[in-house]
């Protein structure tokens, strides 16, 4: 079966103030990398518009409605210390939701083996009723809930290798035994959550913090020892990846030292696990990554692995 690439033109319309690291050039860098000849076999689909009903699978309706209502006609609205809305933000985030749920539909129905949703802004810091950390709606969390509600998935695993802890995903699923959230991330670092002792109400939160300066060996050990065994025991029906690439050694916002090969390796490990338990089903959504060259090369390594390279 094929690998699906869901593209996201609306992501170019979401703007942050000049000089902000979460910029439209990120998406252009990924798009250009995936135009290489070796990606010709990708099935490319434009993200559809998501709905507020899908958003409220994970977010309070009052929060979602207030966010839409606060959309500016011009300029910027600041929603937290480093997160801004522009006139194009709502279209971008709803297309990101639509892309994530469409990827789930294609993968759960067997039309695609796996999918990568090239989107911005990222989503994993968005809590049930709060935007933060460049994030407005939590696309990975919505994808997991959509798989459960629409396709009957009993158990979904979300694996997050963004360098920043996905506090929003943890917040949304803290009380939920049907979703396992596993994260590697640098600590101490924004947003300050993600200690190993944070395990959720049912033990289905798996946090493996890494120290500043650590790299490939520590990351792979975290996967082999702490994350993959828990995923095997959980036996997910779908694996969702919060695919941030800001743990790369070139990234300006953090201090881990991963390389493109590490993201390809982790992808292959999750594919093997998905083959064992989930019929190979993986949906990956783009999160962070703020050095354009590192982001492009890392996303290419990740998608190449999804394609079986």
Protein backbone atom coordinates (compact mmCIF):
# COMPACT_ATOMS: atom_id res chain seq x y z
CA UNK A 1 0.00 0.00 0.00
CA UNK A 2 0.97 3.59 -0.50
CA UNK A 3 2.15 6.45 1.67
CA UNK A 4 -0.13 9.48 1.63
CA UNK A 5 1.19 13.04 1.80
CA UNK A 6 -1.41 15.58 2.85
CA UNK A 7 -0.33 19.04 1.80
CA UNK A 8 -1.48 22.21 3.47
CA UNK A 9 -1.51 25.37 1.31
CA UNK A 10 -3.57 27.20 3.95
CA UNK A 11 -0.57 26.88 6.26
CA UNK A 12 1.18 29.59 4.29
CA UNK A 13 -1.57 32.04 5.24
CA UNK A 14 -0.98 31.80 8.98
CA UNK A 15 1.51 34.50 9.93
CA UNK A 16 3.53 35.27 13.02
CA UNK A 17 5.35 38.57 13.60
CA UNK A 18 8.56 39.14 11.57
CA UNK A 19 11.47 37.11 12.88
CA UNK A 20 9.27 34.55 14.67
CA UNK A 21 10.71 31.02 14.33
CA UNK A 22 7.33 29.45 13.50
CA UNK A 23 7.07 30.87 9.98
CA UNK A 24 5.68 29.92 6.59
CA UNK A 25 9.21 29.17 5.36
CA UNK A 26 9.10 26.03 7.50
CA UNK A 27 6.33 24.58 5.39
CA UNK A 28 8.00 25.68 2.16
CA UNK A 29 11.19 23.89 3.22
CA UNK A 30 9.30 20.64 3.84
CA UNK A 31 7.33 20.94 0.62
CA UNK A 32 10.49 21.52 -1.43
CA UNK A 33 12.27 18.58 0.17
CA UNK A 34 9.36 16.27 -0.66
CA UNK A 35 9.38 17.36 -4.32
CA UNK A 36 12.57 15.35 -4.91
CA UNK A 37 12.34 12.52 -7.41
CA UNK A 38 12.56 9.83 -4.75
CA UNK A 39 9.18 10.99 -3.42
CA UNK A 40 7.39 10.70 -6.76
CA UNK A 41 5.38 7.71 -5.54
CA UNK A 42 3.73 9.69 -2.74
CA UNK A 43 -0.01 10.11 -3.13
CA UNK A 44 -0.53 13.85 -2.64
CA UNK A 45 -3.82 15.23 -1.37
CA UNK A 46 -4.69 18.75 -0.25
CA UNK A 47 -5.97 19.00 3.30
CA UNK A 48 -9.74 19.50 3.51
CA UNK A 49 -11.29 22.01 5.86
CA UNK A 50 -11.83 20.54 9.31
CA UNK A 51 -14.87 21.31 11.44
CA UNK A 52 -15.44 22.67 14.91
CA UNK A 53 -17.18 19.37 15.67
CA UNK A 54 -13.87 17.62 15.05
CA UNK A 55 -12.05 20.21 17.16
CA UNK A 56 -14.40 19.57 20.08
CA UNK A 57 -13.40 15.91 20.15
CA UNK A 58 -10.49 17.23 22.24
CA UNK A 59 -11.13 20.90 23.02
CA UNK A 60 -13.84 22.73 24.94
CA UNK A 61 -16.44 24.18 22.57
CA UNK A 62 -16.28 27.48 24.40
CA UNK A 63 -12.53 27.69 23.78
CA UNK A 64 -12.83 26.81 20.08
CA UNK A 65 -15.64 29.29 19.52
CA UNK A 66 -13.80 32.07 21.36
CA UNK A 67 -10.67 31.44 19.30
CA UNK A 68 -12.60 31.71 16.05
CA UNK A 69 -14.37 34.85 17.27
CA UNK A 70 -11.06 36.53 18.13
CA UNK A 71 -9.63 36.15 14.62
CA UNK A 72 -8.30 39.56 13.51
CA UNK A 73 -9.28 41.26 10.27
CA UNK A 74 -5.75 42.66 10.06
CA UNK A 75 -2.54 42.56 12.05
CA UNK A 76 -2.03 40.22 14.98
CA UNK A 77 -3.81 39.10 18.14
CA UNK A 78 -1.48 37.80 20.84
CA UNK A 79 -2.93 34.78 22.66
CA UNK A 80 0.05 33.98 24.87
CA UNK A 81 3.66 35.08 25.27
CA UNK A 82 4.87 33.63 21.96
CA UNK A 83 1.67 32.73 20.08
CA UNK A 84 -0.12 35.09 17.70
CA UNK A 85 -3.16 34.93 15.46
CA UNK A 86 -3.25 36.58 12.03
CA UNK A 87 -6.16 36.84 9.57
CA UNK A 88 -5.12 33.50 8.04
CA UNK A 89 -4.74 31.55 11.27
CA UNK A 90 -8.22 30.04 11.60
CA UNK A 91 -8.20 28.74 8.02
CA UNK A 92 -4.76 27.24 8.61
CA UNK A 93 -5.64 25.49 11.87
CA UNK A 94 -8.92 24.13 10.53
CA UNK A 95 -7.14 22.79 7.45
CA UNK A 96 -4.58 21.19 9.75
CA UNK A 97 -7.42 19.52 11.66
CA UNK A 98 -8.97 18.45 8.37
CA UNK A 99 -5.65 17.09 7.15
CA UNK A 100 -5.08 15.05 10.29
CA UNK A 101 -8.58 13.56 10.28
CA UNK A 102 -8.48 12.88 6.53
CA UNK A 103 -5.20 11.03 7.03
CA UNK A 104 -6.88 8.89 9.68
CA UNK A 105 -9.77 8.16 7.31
CA UNK A 106 -7.45 7.03 4.53
CA UNK A 107 -5.25 4.91 6.78
CA UNK A 108 -8.02 3.33 8.87
CA UNK A 109 -9.99 2.46 5.72
CA UNK A 110 -6.95 0.75 4.20
CA UNK A 111 -6.60 3.13 1.26
CA UNK A 112 -3.12 4.12 2.45
CA UNK A 113 -0.64 2.26 4.62
CA UNK A 114 0.50 5.41 6.38
CA UNK A 115 0.35 9.16 6.01
CA UNK A 116 2.32 12.32 6.72
CA UNK A 117 0.46 15.58 7.19
CA UNK A 118 2.76 18.51 6.35
CA UNK A 119 1.07 21.24 8.38
CA UNK A 120 1.60 24.39 10.34
CA UNK A 121 1.11 25.71 12.94
CA UNK A 122 2.07 22.82 15.24
CA UNK A 123 -0.44 21.52 17.77
CA UNK A 124 0.93 19.47 20.65
CA UNK A 125 1.11 22.30 23.19
CA UNK A 126 -2.60 23.12 22.79
CA UNK A 127 -4.45 22.01 25.92
CA UNK A 128 -8.17 21.33 26.18
CA UNK A 129 -8.99 25.00 26.67
CA UNK A 130 -5.77 26.91 26.04
CA UNK A 131 -3.57 27.90 23.10
CA UNK A 132 0.16 28.13 23.82
CA UNK A 133 3.60 27.44 22.41
CA UNK A 134 2.69 28.39 18.80
CA UNK A 135 -0.23 25.90 18.98
CA UNK A 136 -4.02 26.43 18.76
CA UNK A 137 -5.67 23.03 18.22
CA UNK A 138 -4.04 19.69 19.02
CA UNK A 139 -4.02 17.89 15.67
CA UNK A 140 -2.44 14.65 16.90
CA UNK A 141 -4.96 14.37 19.74
CA UNK A 142 -7.86 15.09 17.39
CA UNK A 143 -6.56 12.44 14.99
CA UNK A 144 -6.53 9.87 17.80
CA UNK A 145 -10.05 10.72 18.95
CA UNK A 146 -11.33 10.73 15.36
CA UNK A 147 -9.93 7.23 14.87
CA UNK A 148 -11.81 6.09 17.96
CA UNK A 149 -15.11 7.84 17.25
CA UNK A 150 -15.34 7.33 13.49
CA UNK A 151 -13.41 4.09 12.92
CA UNK A 152 -13.84 2.21 16.18
CA UNK A 153 -10.18 2.11 17.19
CA UNK A 154 -10.10 0.78 20.75
CA UNK A 155 -6.55 1.89 21.56
CA UNK A 156 -4.45 4.61 19.96
CA UNK A 157 -0.81 5.39 20.74
CA UNK A 158 0.62 8.86 20.23
CA UNK A 159 4.42 9.00 20.05
CA UNK A 160 5.94 12.48 20.31
CA UNK A 161 9.63 13.05 19.56
CA UNK A 162 9.45 16.84 19.35
CA UNK A 163 12.17 18.37 21.55
CA UNK A 164 9.50 20.15 23.60
CA UNK A 165 7.13 18.13 25.76
CA UNK A 166 3.59 17.87 24.41
CA UNK A 167 1.86 19.19 27.50
CA UNK A 168 -1.37 19.64 25.56
CA UNK A 169 -1.57 16.00 24.50
CA UNK A 170 -0.79 14.92 28.04
CA UNK A 171 -3.48 17.25 29.39
CA UNK A 172 -6.13 15.94 27.01
CA UNK A 173 -5.47 12.24 27.68
CA UNK A 174 -4.38 12.30 31.35
CA UNK A 175 -7.57 10.54 32.48
CA UNK A 176 -7.91 8.24 29.45
CA UNK A 177 -6.81 4.61 29.51
CA UNK A 178 -7.58 4.14 25.79
CA UNK A 179 -4.83 6.47 24.54
CA UNK A 180 -1.16 5.95 25.37
CA UNK A 181 0.99 9.08 25.08
CA UNK A 182 4.76 8.54 24.94
CA UNK A 183 7.22 11.41 24.66
CA UNK A 184 10.95 11.97 24.43
CA UNK A 185 11.91 15.61 24.97
CA UNK A 186 14.61 17.82 26.41
CA UNK A 187 14.27 18.74 30.06
CA UNK A 188 14.56 21.34 31.49
CA UNK A 189 12.99 23.21 28.58
CA UNK A 190 9.70 24.83 27.63
CA UNK A 191 6.96 24.17 28.71
CA UNK A 192 8.38 22.69 31.92
CA UNK A 193 6.20 19.55 31.99
CA UNK A 194 7.15 15.99 31.10
CA UNK A 195 8.90 14.56 34.14
CA UNK A 196 9.14 10.76 34.23
CA UNK A 197 6.91 10.82 37.29
CA UNK A 198 4.00 12.23 35.24
CA UNK A 199 2.24 8.99 34.31
CA UNK A 200 -1.47 9.82 33.99
CA UNK A 201 -4.43 8.50 35.91
CA UNK A 202 -4.08 5.04 34.33
CA UNK A 203 -0.33 4.84 33.76
CA UNK A 204 -0.74 5.55 30.04
CA UNK A 205 1.55 8.60 30.00
CA UNK A 206 5.18 7.66 29.30
CA UNK A 207 7.63 10.55 29.61
CA UNK A 208 11.32 10.02 28.91
CA UNK A 209 13.11 13.34 29.41
CA UNK A 210 16.56 13.76 27.89
CA UNK A 211 19.27 16.09 29.18
CA UNK A 212 20.66 19.03 27.23
CA UNK A 213 23.52 17.88 25.01
CA UNK A 214 22.33 14.29 24.69
CA UNK A 215 21.98 12.78 21.25
CA UNK A 216 21.49 9.65 19.19
CA UNK A 217 22.56 7.06 21.76
CA UNK A 218 20.33 8.40 24.53
CA UNK A 219 17.37 8.93 22.20
CA UNK A 220 17.56 5.41 20.79
CA UNK A 221 18.01 3.94 24.26
CA UNK A 222 14.89 5.80 25.42
CA UNK A 223 12.94 4.23 22.57
CA UNK A 224 14.31 0.73 23.03
CA UNK A 225 14.04 0.56 26.81
CA UNK A 226 11.17 2.84 27.82
CA UNK A 227 8.84 3.46 24.89
CA UNK A 228 8.71 0.48 22.52
CA UNK A 229 8.05 -2.11 25.27
CA UNK A 230 5.15 -0.02 26.57
CA UNK A 231 3.74 0.31 23.07
CA UNK A 232 4.03 -3.44 22.52
CA UNK A 233 2.17 -4.12 25.75
CA UNK A 234 -0.51 -1.57 24.82
CA UNK A 235 -1.12 -3.10 21.37
CA UNK A 236 -2.47 -0.01 19.63
CA UNK A 237 -4.89 -0.13 16.70
CA UNK A 238 -3.28 3.03 15.29
CA UNK A 239 -0.01 4.85 15.88
CA UNK A 240 -0.04 8.66 15.64
CA UNK A 241 3.32 10.44 15.52
CA UNK A 242 3.82 14.00 16.69
CA UNK A 243 6.76 14.49 14.35
CA UNK A 244 8.72 17.48 15.55
CA UNK A 245 12.26 17.79 14.20
CA UNK A 246 13.62 20.39 16.63
CA UNK A 247 15.68 17.81 18.52
CA UNK A 248 18.08 18.03 15.57
CA UNK A 249 21.54 19.33 16.48
CA UNK A 250 21.12 22.39 14.25
CA UNK A 251 17.88 23.61 15.81
CA UNK A 252 18.12 27.03 17.50
CA UNK A 253 15.43 26.47 20.15
CA UNK A 254 16.91 23.49 21.99
CA UNK A 255 20.10 21.60 22.82
CA UNK A 256 19.67 17.96 21.81
CA UNK A 257 21.92 16.48 19.12
CA UNK A 258 19.80 14.21 16.93
CA UNK A 259 20.48 13.63 13.24
CA UNK A 260 18.25 12.80 10.33
CA UNK A 261 19.15 9.11 10.67
CA UNK A 262 17.67 9.07 14.17
CA UNK A 263 14.27 10.16 12.91
CA UNK A 264 14.40 7.55 10.14
CA UNK A 265 15.38 4.88 12.69
CA UNK A 266 12.55 5.81 15.06
CA UNK A 267 10.11 5.79 12.15
CA UNK A 268 11.22 2.30 11.16
CA UNK A 269 10.85 1.06 14.74
CA UNK A 270 7.31 2.43 14.93
CA UNK A 271 6.49 0.88 11.55
CA UNK A 272 7.63 -2.51 12.83
CA UNK A 273 5.46 -2.07 15.90
CA UNK A 274 2.48 -0.94 13.83
CA UNK A 275 2.94 -4.00 11.61
CA UNK A 276 2.73 -6.21 14.71
CA UNK A 277 -0.35 -4.65 16.23
CA UNK A 278 -2.07 -2.12 13.98
CA UNK A 279 -2.01 -3.47 10.44
CA UNK A 280 0.83 -1.06 9.71
CA UNK A 281 -1.40 1.96 10.33
CA UNK A 282 0.53 5.18 11.11
CA UNK A 283 -0.55 8.80 10.85
CA UNK A 284 2.24 11.36 11.32
CA UNK A 285 1.67 15.08 11.79
CA UNK A 286 4.33 17.76 11.62
CA UNK A 287 5.07 19.58 14.87
CA UNK A 288 8.21 21.69 15.47
CA UNK A 289 11.52 22.18 13.71
CA UNK A 290 12.98 25.66 13.32
CA UNK A 291 16.23 25.31 11.39
CA UNK A 292 14.99 25.16 7.82
CA UNK A 293 17.73 22.91 6.45
CA UNK A 294 17.52 20.47 9.36
CA UNK A 295 13.72 20.46 9.16
CA UNK A 296 13.73 19.72 5.44
CA UNK A 297 16.31 16.93 5.64
CA UNK A 298 14.73 15.37 8.74
CA UNK A 299 11.21 15.41 7.28
CA UNK A 300 12.60 13.83 4.10
CA UNK A 301 14.27 11.07 6.13
CA UNK A 302 11.04 10.45 8.04
CA UNK A 303 8.84 10.29 4.94
CA UNK A 304 11.39 8.17 3.13
CA UNK A 305 11.21 5.67 5.97
CA UNK A 306 7.41 5.71 5.88
CA UNK A 307 7.66 4.83 2.18
CA UNK A 308 9.89 1.89 3.01
CA UNK A 309 13.19 3.35 1.90
